[in-house]
């Protein structure tokens, strides 16, 4: 089951609060391309945070793998949040 919430993109001078939230790494090792996978800490919603390193392909692979694992384990769907100030995806 795919759950999509559509919204329009817009520019804000200040970052969203979620962009400033504290995170902790899900895995300690770094990927060869520098992608980091974390989760939010002490935030009102559960979320994974993906920060791209040098490889957008690696980032896409990590996000796709996480989506499949969430679906296989029947976890509630998450909506991605993409921040353009740096390559970060929070789902």
C-alpha atoms as a PDB file:
ATOM      1  CA  UNK A   1       0.000   0.000   0.000  1.00  0.00           C
ATOM      2  CA  UNK A   2       1.377   3.365  -0.963  1.00  0.00           C
ATOM      3  CA  UNK A   3       0.338   6.443   0.984  1.00  0.00           C
ATOM      4  CA  UNK A   4       0.961   9.751  -0.698  1.00  0.00           C
ATOM      5  CA  UNK A   5       0.320  13.219   0.634  1.00  0.00           C
ATOM      6  CA  UNK A   6       0.936  15.879  -1.945  1.00  0.00           C
ATOM      7  CA  UNK A   7       1.928  19.397  -1.168  1.00  0.00           C
ATOM      8  CA  UNK A   8       3.465  22.267  -3.020  1.00  0.00           C
ATOM      9  CA  UNK A   9       7.035  23.337  -2.622  1.00  0.00           C
ATOM     10  CA  UNK A  10       7.838  26.792  -1.329  1.00  0.00           C
ATOM     11  CA  UNK A  11      10.815  28.721  -0.054  1.00  0.00           C
ATOM     12  CA  UNK A  12      11.280  29.768   3.543  1.00  0.00           C
ATOM     13  CA  UNK A  13      14.108  31.927   4.824  1.00  0.00           C
ATOM     14  CA  UNK A  14      14.316  29.969   8.092  1.00  0.00           C
ATOM     15  CA  UNK A  15      14.609  26.174   8.211  1.00  0.00           C
ATOM     16  CA  UNK A  16      11.683  24.046   9.363  1.00  0.00           C
ATOM     17  CA  UNK A  17      11.932  22.909  13.004  1.00  0.00           C
ATOM     18  CA  UNK A  18      12.433  19.330  11.788  1.00  0.00           C
ATOM     19  CA  UNK A  19      15.604  20.463   9.999  1.00  0.00           C
ATOM     20  CA  UNK A  20      17.070  21.601  13.330  1.00  0.00           C
ATOM     21  CA  UNK A  21      15.932  18.563  15.343  1.00  0.00           C
ATOM     22  CA  UNK A  22      18.491  16.404  17.099  1.00  0.00           C
ATOM     23  CA  UNK A  23      19.290  13.089  15.426  1.00  0.00           C
ATOM     24  CA  UNK A  24      21.139   9.906  16.283  1.00  0.00           C
ATOM     25  CA  UNK A  25      22.640   7.498  13.763  1.00  0.00           C
ATOM     26  CA  UNK A  26      20.743   4.307  13.026  1.00  0.00           C
ATOM     27  CA  UNK A  27      23.991   2.580  12.061  1.00  0.00           C
ATOM     28  CA  UNK A  28      27.462   3.588  13.139  1.00  0.00           C
ATOM     29  CA  UNK A  29      29.242   2.845   9.888  1.00  0.00           C
ATOM     30  CA  UNK A  30      29.369   5.350   7.071  1.00  0.00           C
ATOM     31  CA  UNK A  31      28.577   4.339   3.537  1.00  0.00           C
ATOM     32  CA  UNK A  32      31.340   4.653   0.909  1.00  0.00           C
ATOM     33  CA  UNK A  33      29.566   7.671  -0.641  1.00  0.00           C
ATOM     34  CA  UNK A  34      29.107   9.350   2.743  1.00  0.00           C
ATOM     35  CA  UNK A  35      25.331   8.826   3.160  1.00  0.00           C
ATOM     36  CA  UNK A  36      24.245   8.935   6.810  1.00  0.00           C
ATOM     37  CA  UNK A  37      21.010   7.346   8.092  1.00  0.00           C
ATOM     38  CA  UNK A  38      19.680   8.686  11.399  1.00  0.00           C
ATOM     39  CA  UNK A  39      16.453   9.010  13.356  1.00  0.00           C
ATOM     40  CA  UNK A  40      14.969  11.992  15.166  1.00  0.00           C
ATOM     41  CA  UNK A  41      15.411  12.220  18.943  1.00  0.00           C
ATOM     42  CA  UNK A  42      12.819  13.783  21.276  1.00  0.00           C
ATOM     43  CA  UNK A  43      10.613  14.946  18.408  1.00  0.00           C
ATOM     44  CA  UNK A  44       6.806  14.584  18.330  1.00  0.00           C
ATOM     45  CA  UNK A  45       6.881  12.301  15.244  1.00  0.00           C
ATOM     46  CA  UNK A  46       8.915   9.230  14.392  1.00  0.00           C
ATOM     47  CA  UNK A  47      11.165   9.853  11.452  1.00  0.00           C
ATOM     48  CA  UNK A  48      14.215   8.589   9.647  1.00  0.00           C
ATOM     49  CA  UNK A  49      16.674  11.158   8.337  1.00  0.00           C
ATOM     50  CA  UNK A  50      18.828  10.519   5.284  1.00  0.00           C
ATOM     51  CA  UNK A  51      21.693  12.890   4.563  1.00  0.00           C
ATOM     52  CA  UNK A  52      23.463  12.481   1.225  1.00  0.00           C
ATOM     53  CA  UNK A  53      27.178  12.416   0.930  1.00  0.00           C
ATOM     54  CA  UNK A  54      28.796  12.488  -2.491  1.00  0.00           C
ATOM     55  CA  UNK A  55      26.463   9.930  -4.095  1.00  0.00           C
ATOM     56  CA  UNK A  56      22.808  10.670  -4.793  1.00  0.00           C
ATOM     57  CA  UNK A  57      22.494   7.096  -6.130  1.00  0.00           C
ATOM     58  CA  UNK A  58      23.561   5.770  -2.722  1.00  0.00           C
ATOM     59  CA  UNK A  59      21.035   8.070  -1.038  1.00  0.00           C
ATOM     60  CA  UNK A  60      18.265   6.829  -3.352  1.00  0.00           C
ATOM     61  CA  UNK A  61      19.219   3.210  -2.633  1.00  0.00           C
ATOM     62  CA  UNK A  62      19.136   3.773   1.138  1.00  0.00           C
ATOM     63  CA  UNK A  63      15.746   5.517   1.011  1.00  0.00           C
ATOM     64  CA  UNK A  64      14.324   2.768  -1.212  1.00  0.00           C
ATOM     65  CA  UNK A  65      15.665   0.018   1.061  1.00  0.00           C
ATOM     66  CA  UNK A  66      14.152   1.708   4.120  1.00  0.00           C
ATOM     67  CA  UNK A  67      10.761   2.042   2.388  1.00  0.00           C
ATOM     68  CA  UNK A  68      10.740  -1.655   1.487  1.00  0.00           C
ATOM     69  CA  UNK A  69      11.706  -2.676   5.033  1.00  0.00           C
ATOM     70  CA  UNK A  70       8.972  -0.478   6.521  1.00  0.00           C
ATOM     71  CA  UNK A  71       6.383  -2.000   4.175  1.00  0.00           C
ATOM     72  CA  UNK A  72       7.523  -5.610   4.750  1.00  0.00           C
ATOM     73  CA  UNK A  73       7.279  -5.071   8.518  1.00  0.00           C
ATOM     74  CA  UNK A  74       3.807  -3.490   8.141  1.00  0.00           C
ATOM     75  CA  UNK A  75       4.878  -0.238   9.767  1.00  0.00           C
ATOM     76  CA  UNK A  76       2.748   2.866   9.200  1.00  0.00           C
ATOM     77  CA  UNK A  77       3.545   4.794   6.037  1.00  0.00           C
ATOM     78  CA  UNK A  78       5.661   7.907   6.283  1.00  0.00           C
ATOM     79  CA  UNK A  79       5.671  10.972   4.087  1.00  0.00           C
ATOM     80  CA  UNK A  80       9.075  12.198   2.892  1.00  0.00           C
ATOM     81  CA  UNK A  81      10.287  15.701   3.634  1.00  0.00           C
ATOM     82  CA  UNK A  82      12.981  17.006   1.338  1.00  0.00           C
ATOM     83  CA  UNK A  83      15.140  19.939   2.409  1.00  0.00           C
ATOM     84  CA  UNK A  84      16.861  21.787  -0.378  1.00  0.00           C
ATOM     85  CA  UNK A  85      19.427  23.570   1.782  1.00  0.00           C
ATOM     86  CA  UNK A  86      21.402  20.335   1.664  1.00  0.00           C
ATOM     87  CA  UNK A  87      20.580  16.846   0.358  1.00  0.00           C
ATOM     88  CA  UNK A  88      18.547  15.606   3.307  1.00  0.00           C
ATOM     89  CA  UNK A  89      15.458  13.422   3.161  1.00  0.00           C
ATOM     90  CA  UNK A  90      13.379  12.767   6.259  1.00  0.00           C
ATOM     91  CA  UNK A  91      10.681  10.173   6.086  1.00  0.00           C
END
